[in-house]
Amino acid sequence: MNIVFLDGASLPYPMKRPAQAFQWTVRESTSQEEVVDVLADAEVAITNKVKLGRVQLEQLPKLKLICVAATGYDCIDISACRDLGITVCNAPAYSASSVAEAVIASLFALRRNLFEYREAASKRWPTSNHFCVHGTPIQDIKGSTLGIVGWGDIGSRVAQLAVALDIHVVFAEHRGATQVREGYVPFETMLKEADAISLHCPLTPQTRHLIGAEQLSLMKQGALLINTARGPLVDEHAVLNALRSGHLGGAALDVLEVEPPQADHPLLNADLPNLILTPHVGWASKNSVARLINTLLSNITAYASGKAINVVS
């Protein structure tokens, strides 16, 4: 097989050559303009975030398999792949533990204002009249309410960890749903009751800007927002305004609407101690990356042997 990894540098360390590859190309990155030329002779494409749309796919008659190096496959035109007979495989649940731990770490950091107190230790503690320096109140996470949007592998794992820490968990029903399924609460109820909200739903036209100014206004004064899913799930300007006004108690964002962001992005330059920005690495623990690579190799092996594994199209 001729196998091309379009954005191999998206992994923190290299993926080994699949046994089935007679030609193996790993590109650091690939622009949209390069996709057709790069994949012209490829039977298998691996992509993390490089988009493959219908116009491109129709020009790639040799392409038979697309392996998405992620759980979400919104970068692929699935309908076009079905029409063209291209198999698409993803890597489900490989990062559930890593992302869930990132969420819980953010909860601790924001509820305890760790970044504010780290700064206080170096700037205010040496001149303090007391053994301690007080600032923004520190809150325990025990007994708080965590609202989770998305009851998939990651949302479920977040809930498991949260319950173990004596956090009350509520799962939100779809926004605008006319019926509430068993085990869920209405979306607006979750907004009003949660001390922190964690997003784990896919990006669709219905979930774009799921959290905007209106939703933020319904949240408790001082509540937290955590997004480790997709950047466009939140209205970034509304989040920044809510942080600056003090209505939103803190935010931890591992994803942004455009990645990588411009250097002058308002959130990158906000300088707020209750805003945690990380560069889309919640998934990237060593264990998760190893599971991802093994899943990619398994998907290719299954395809080569005529079997189906992790097929989404």
Protein backbone atom coordinates (compact mmCIF):
# COMPACT_ATOMS: atom_id res chain seq x y z
CA MET A 1 0.00 0.00 0.00
CA ASN A 2 0.97 3.59 -0.62
CA ILE A 3 0.16 5.27 2.72
CA VAL A 4 0.44 9.01 3.36
CA PHE A 5 0.16 10.67 6.78
CA LEU A 6 -0.89 14.23 5.95
CA ASP A 7 -0.06 15.86 9.29
CA GLY A 8 2.30 13.53 11.11
CA ALA A 9 3.69 16.34 13.28
CA SER A 10 0.31 16.53 15.02
CA LEU A 11 1.53 13.56 17.08
CA PRO A 12 4.15 14.24 19.78
CA TYR A 13 6.32 11.38 18.53
CA PRO A 14 6.50 9.50 15.20
CA MET A 15 4.19 6.72 14.16
CA LYS A 16 6.03 3.61 13.02
CA ARG A 17 5.72 2.43 9.44
CA PRO A 18 2.70 0.13 8.93
CA ALA A 19 3.70 -3.38 7.89
CA GLN A 20 1.46 -3.14 4.81
CA ALA A 21 3.13 -0.01 3.43
CA PHE A 22 5.38 -0.45 0.42
CA GLN A 23 5.52 3.33 0.32
CA TRP A 24 5.25 5.31 3.56
CA THR A 25 5.19 9.12 3.56
CA VAL A 26 4.88 11.19 6.71
CA ARG A 27 4.40 14.90 6.10
CA GLU A 28 4.77 17.47 8.86
CA SER A 29 1.68 19.25 7.55
CA THR A 30 -0.33 19.56 4.34
CA SER A 31 -2.23 22.58 3.07
CA GLN A 32 -5.59 22.31 1.37
CA GLU A 33 -3.98 23.27 -1.92
CA GLU A 34 -1.52 20.37 -1.64
CA VAL A 35 -3.94 17.59 -0.73
CA VAL A 36 -4.80 16.34 -4.24
CA ASP A 37 -1.18 16.24 -5.43
CA VAL A 38 0.08 14.63 -2.24
CA LEU A 39 -2.57 11.88 -2.31
CA ALA A 40 -2.63 11.33 -6.08
CA ASP A 41 -1.13 7.83 -5.82
CA ALA A 42 -2.15 6.99 -2.27
CA GLU A 43 -4.46 4.12 -1.37
CA VAL A 44 -4.53 5.09 2.30
CA ALA A 45 -4.54 8.56 3.85
CA ILE A 46 -4.03 9.29 7.52
CA THR A 47 -5.19 12.68 8.75
CA ASN A 48 -5.65 14.27 12.10
CA LYS A 49 -7.08 17.67 11.18
CA VAL A 50 -6.36 18.11 7.45
CA LYS A 51 -9.77 18.40 5.79
CA LEU A 52 -10.79 16.13 2.94
CA GLY A 53 -13.83 17.40 1.08
CA ARG A 54 -15.85 16.18 -1.87
CA VAL A 55 -14.05 18.28 -4.48
CA GLN A 56 -10.71 16.81 -3.41
CA LEU A 57 -11.96 13.25 -2.95
CA GLU A 58 -13.49 13.14 -6.44
CA GLN A 59 -9.99 13.75 -7.82
CA LEU A 60 -8.47 10.83 -5.90
CA PRO A 61 -9.71 7.59 -7.58
CA LYS A 62 -6.92 5.50 -6.00
CA LEU A 63 -7.83 6.50 -2.45
CA LYS A 64 -9.68 3.66 -0.70
CA LEU A 65 -9.15 4.23 3.03
CA ILE A 66 -8.98 7.30 5.25
CA CYS A 67 -7.77 6.78 8.81
CA VAL A 68 -8.62 9.69 11.09
CA ALA A 69 -6.04 10.06 13.85
CA ALA A 70 -8.72 11.25 16.26
CA THR A 71 -12.12 10.35 17.60
CA GLY A 72 -13.94 13.17 15.84
CA TYR A 73 -14.13 12.91 12.05
CA ASP A 74 -15.73 16.25 11.20
CA CYS A 75 -12.73 17.01 8.94
CA ILE A 76 -13.96 14.37 6.46
CA ASP A 77 -16.89 14.68 4.04
CA ILE A 78 -18.51 11.40 5.07
CA SER A 79 -21.29 11.66 2.50
CA ALA A 80 -18.77 12.01 -0.32
CA CYS A 81 -16.82 9.02 0.99
CA ARG A 82 -19.95 6.88 0.96
CA ASP A 83 -20.71 7.93 -2.61
CA LEU A 84 -17.15 7.21 -3.74
CA GLY A 85 -16.70 3.93 -1.86
CA ILE A 86 -13.97 5.24 0.43
CA THR A 87 -13.79 3.61 3.86
CA VAL A 88 -13.30 5.98 6.80
CA CYS A 89 -12.04 4.77 10.20
CA ASN A 90 -11.55 6.75 13.38
CA ALA A 91 -9.93 6.06 16.74
CA PRO A 92 -12.75 5.95 19.30
CA ALA A 93 -12.14 6.42 23.02
CA TYR A 94 -8.34 6.35 22.82
CA SER A 95 -8.02 9.62 24.77
CA ALA A 96 -10.99 9.34 27.15
CA SER A 97 -8.86 8.99 30.28
CA SER A 98 -6.42 11.71 29.29
CA VAL A 99 -9.11 14.27 28.45
CA ALA A 100 -11.12 13.40 31.54
CA GLU A 101 -8.08 13.93 33.75
CA ALA A 102 -7.46 17.27 32.02
CA VAL A 103 -11.02 18.31 32.91
CA ILE A 104 -10.62 17.34 36.56
CA ALA A 105 -7.23 19.08 36.72
CA SER A 106 -8.87 22.25 35.38
CA LEU A 107 -11.62 21.99 37.99
CA PHE A 108 -9.05 21.85 40.77
CA ALA A 109 -7.00 24.68 39.30
CA LEU A 110 -9.96 27.01 38.82
CA ARG A 111 -11.89 26.22 42.00
CA ARG A 112 -8.71 26.70 44.06
CA ASN A 113 -7.43 29.67 41.99
CA LEU A 114 -4.00 28.06 41.69
CA PHE A 115 -2.64 30.54 39.18
CA GLU A 116 -3.64 33.56 41.24
CA TYR A 117 -1.99 32.09 44.32
CA ARG A 118 1.12 31.06 42.43
CA GLU A 119 1.56 34.72 41.52
CA ALA A 120 0.75 35.80 45.06
CA ALA A 121 3.53 33.56 46.39
CA SER A 122 6.21 35.37 44.41
CA LYS A 123 4.82 38.93 44.53
CA ARG A 124 2.94 39.31 47.82
CA TRP A 125 4.09 36.60 50.19
CA PRO A 126 7.59 37.99 50.91
CA THR A 127 6.11 41.24 52.24
CA SER A 128 3.11 39.69 54.02
CA ASN A 129 2.56 40.33 57.74
CA HIS A 130 1.17 36.81 58.11
CA PHE A 131 2.18 33.27 57.24
CA CYS A 132 -0.45 33.16 54.49
CA VAL A 133 -1.74 35.47 51.76
CA HIS A 134 -5.45 35.56 51.05
CA GLY A 135 -7.14 36.53 47.79
CA THR A 136 -10.03 35.17 45.79
CA PRO A 137 -11.91 32.61 47.95
CA ILE A 138 -10.79 29.01 47.53
CA GLN A 139 -13.61 26.55 46.85
CA ASP A 140 -13.65 22.80 47.35
CA ILE A 141 -14.89 20.67 44.50
CA LYS A 142 -16.62 18.25 46.88
CA GLY A 143 -20.36 18.88 46.85
CA SER A 144 -20.27 21.04 43.73
CA THR A 145 -22.38 20.32 40.64
CA LEU A 146 -20.78 19.51 37.31
CA GLY A 147 -22.87 19.81 34.17
CA ILE A 148 -21.71 17.62 31.30
CA VAL A 149 -22.75 18.12 27.69
CA GLY A 150 -22.19 14.86 25.83
CA TRP A 151 -22.61 11.37 27.27
CA GLY A 152 -20.05 9.56 25.14
CA ASP A 153 -16.81 7.86 26.14
CA ILE A 154 -15.15 11.04 27.39
CA GLY A 155 -18.20 12.53 29.08
CA SER A 156 -18.82 9.22 30.84
CA ARG A 157 -15.23 9.03 32.05
CA VAL A 158 -15.37 12.61 33.34
CA ALA A 159 -18.52 11.69 35.25
CA GLN A 160 -16.85 8.63 36.80
CA LEU A 161 -13.92 10.68 38.08
CA ALA A 162 -16.20 13.47 39.29
CA VAL A 163 -18.48 11.13 41.23
CA ALA A 164 -15.42 9.59 42.89
CA LEU A 165 -14.60 13.10 44.16
CA ASP A 166 -18.12 13.58 45.60
CA ILE A 167 -19.16 15.92 42.79
CA HIS A 168 -22.81 15.89 41.77
CA VAL A 169 -23.06 15.23 38.02
CA VAL A 170 -25.89 16.20 35.68
CA PHE A 171 -26.00 15.41 31.96
CA ALA A 172 -27.60 18.00 29.72
CA GLU A 173 -30.24 17.14 27.15
CA HIS A 174 -29.81 18.58 23.64
CA ARG A 175 -30.46 22.31 23.46
CA GLY A 176 -33.99 22.90 22.26
CA ALA A 177 -35.10 19.28 22.77
CA THR A 178 -38.85 18.85 23.27
CA GLN A 179 -38.40 15.69 25.33
CA VAL A 180 -35.89 14.94 28.08
CA ARG A 181 -34.43 11.44 28.09
CA GLU A 182 -34.03 9.41 31.24
CA GLY A 183 -30.84 10.35 33.05
CA TYR A 184 -30.71 13.85 31.53
CA VAL A 185 -31.90 17.28 32.60
CA PRO A 186 -33.07 20.07 30.28
CA PHE A 187 -30.20 22.05 28.79
CA GLU A 188 -31.32 25.29 30.44
CA THR A 189 -31.67 23.55 33.82
CA MET A 190 -28.09 22.35 33.57
CA LEU A 191 -26.94 25.89 32.79
CA LYS A 192 -28.68 27.27 35.88
CA GLU A 193 -27.69 24.51 38.32
CA ALA A 194 -24.08 23.71 37.43
CA ASP A 195 -21.11 25.16 39.29
CA ALA A 196 -18.99 24.06 36.32
CA ILE A 197 -19.85 22.94 32.79
CA SER A 198 -17.70 20.61 30.69
CA LEU A 199 -18.32 20.20 26.96
CA HIS A 200 -17.89 16.79 25.29
CA CYS A 201 -20.25 16.89 22.31
CA PRO A 202 -19.37 16.84 18.60
CA LEU A 203 -19.32 19.99 16.50
CA THR A 204 -22.41 20.16 14.30
CA PRO A 205 -24.49 23.03 12.89
CA GLN A 206 -26.74 22.57 15.94
CA THR A 207 -23.92 22.74 18.49
CA ARG A 208 -21.93 25.63 16.97
CA HIS A 209 -21.79 28.39 19.61
CA LEU A 210 -23.72 26.14 21.97
CA ILE A 211 -22.44 28.39 24.74
CA GLY A 212 -22.91 32.05 23.88
CA ALA A 213 -23.88 35.24 25.66
CA GLU A 214 -27.44 34.03 26.33
CA GLN A 215 -26.31 30.74 27.82
CA LEU A 216 -23.57 32.35 29.87
CA SER A 217 -26.11 34.77 31.36
CA LEU A 218 -28.15 31.80 32.60
CA MET A 219 -25.17 30.27 34.40
CA LYS A 220 -24.56 30.86 38.08
CA GLN A 221 -22.51 33.86 39.07
CA GLY A 222 -18.96 32.53 39.36
CA ALA A 223 -19.58 29.24 37.52
CA LEU A 224 -16.82 27.68 35.42
CA LEU A 225 -16.67 26.63 31.76
CA ILE A 226 -14.37 23.88 30.46
CA ASN A 227 -14.06 23.03 26.76
CA THR A 228 -11.86 20.16 25.63
CA ALA A 229 -14.01 19.21 22.63
CA ARG A 230 -14.16 21.66 19.70
CA GLY A 231 -13.45 25.39 19.79
CA PRO A 232 -16.56 26.57 17.91
CA LEU A 233 -18.82 25.07 20.59
CA VAL A 234 -18.34 28.37 22.45
CA ASP A 235 -18.58 31.99 21.42
CA GLU A 236 -15.10 33.13 22.41
CA HIS A 237 -15.97 36.83 22.56
CA ALA A 238 -18.92 36.11 24.84
CA VAL A 239 -16.70 34.02 27.11
CA LEU A 240 -14.10 36.77 27.36
CA ASN A 241 -16.77 39.37 28.13
CA ALA A 242 -18.26 37.13 30.82
CA LEU A 243 -14.83 36.62 32.39
CA ARG A 244 -14.06 40.33 32.40
CA SER A 245 -17.45 41.19 33.88
CA GLY A 246 -16.91 38.64 36.65
CA HIS A 247 -20.08 36.71 35.87
CA LEU A 248 -18.06 33.73 34.66
CA GLY A 249 -15.81 32.58 37.46
CA GLY A 250 -13.24 30.94 35.21
CA ALA A 251 -12.69 29.09 31.97
CA ALA A 252 -10.36 26.33 30.83
CA LEU A 253 -10.15 26.10 27.05
CA ASP A 254 -8.01 23.45 25.36
CA VAL A 255 -9.47 24.31 21.96
CA LEU A 256 -10.17 27.49 20.03
CA GLU A 257 -12.33 28.29 17.03
CA VAL A 258 -9.31 28.64 14.72
CA GLU A 259 -6.23 26.51 15.39
CA PRO A 260 -3.53 27.58 15.55
CA PRO A 261 -4.80 31.03 16.61
CA GLN A 262 -3.34 34.34 15.56
CA ALA A 263 -0.84 35.87 17.97
CA ASP A 264 -3.20 38.79 18.61
CA HIS A 265 -6.14 36.56 19.57
CA PRO A 266 -8.01 38.34 22.41
CA LEU A 267 -8.05 35.28 24.65
CA LEU A 268 -4.30 34.77 24.30
CA ASN A 269 -3.74 38.35 25.39
CA ALA A 270 -6.39 38.58 28.10
CA ASP A 271 -3.95 38.10 31.02
CA LEU A 272 -6.62 36.75 33.36
CA PRO A 273 -5.62 34.43 36.23
CA ASN A 274 -8.93 32.55 35.95
CA LEU A 275 -8.46 31.73 32.26
CA ILE A 276 -6.50 28.59 31.40
CA LEU A 277 -5.57 28.16 27.74
CA THR A 278 -3.77 25.03 26.54
CA PRO A 279 -2.87 24.26 22.90
CA HIS A 280 -5.24 21.33 22.18
CA VAL A 281 -3.23 18.81 24.20
CA GLY A 282 -5.83 17.45 26.60
CA TRP A 283 -5.76 14.22 24.59
CA ALA A 284 -1.99 13.92 24.34
CA SER A 285 -0.81 11.84 27.30
CA LYS A 286 1.83 9.25 26.45
CA ASN A 287 -0.63 6.42 27.05
CA SER A 288 -3.27 7.99 24.83
CA VAL A 289 -0.86 8.59 21.97
CA ALA A 290 0.28 4.98 22.15
CA ARG A 291 -3.34 3.81 22.00
CA LEU A 292 -4.00 6.12 19.05
CA ILE A 293 -1.07 4.81 17.04
CA ASN A 294 -2.00 1.20 17.80
CA THR A 295 -5.57 1.91 16.67
CA LEU A 296 -4.38 3.45 13.40
CA LEU A 297 -2.20 0.41 12.72
CA SER A 298 -5.07 -1.94 13.59
CA ASN A 299 -7.43 -0.09 11.26
CA ILE A 300 -4.97 -0.43 8.38
CA THR A 301 -4.37 -4.11 9.14
CA ALA A 302 -8.12 -4.79 9.28
CA TYR A 303 -8.69 -3.02 5.97
CA ALA A 304 -5.86 -4.97 4.33
CA SER A 305 -7.41 -8.25 5.50
CA GLY A 306 -10.90 -7.31 4.34
CA LYS A 307 -12.30 -6.82 7.84
CA ALA A 308 -14.13 -3.84 9.32
CA ILE A 309 -12.91 -2.06 12.44
CA ASN A 310 -13.78 1.43 13.73
CA VAL A 311 -15.54 2.17 10.43
CA VAL A 312 -17.61 5.36 10.31
CA SER A 313 -18.25 5.26 6.55
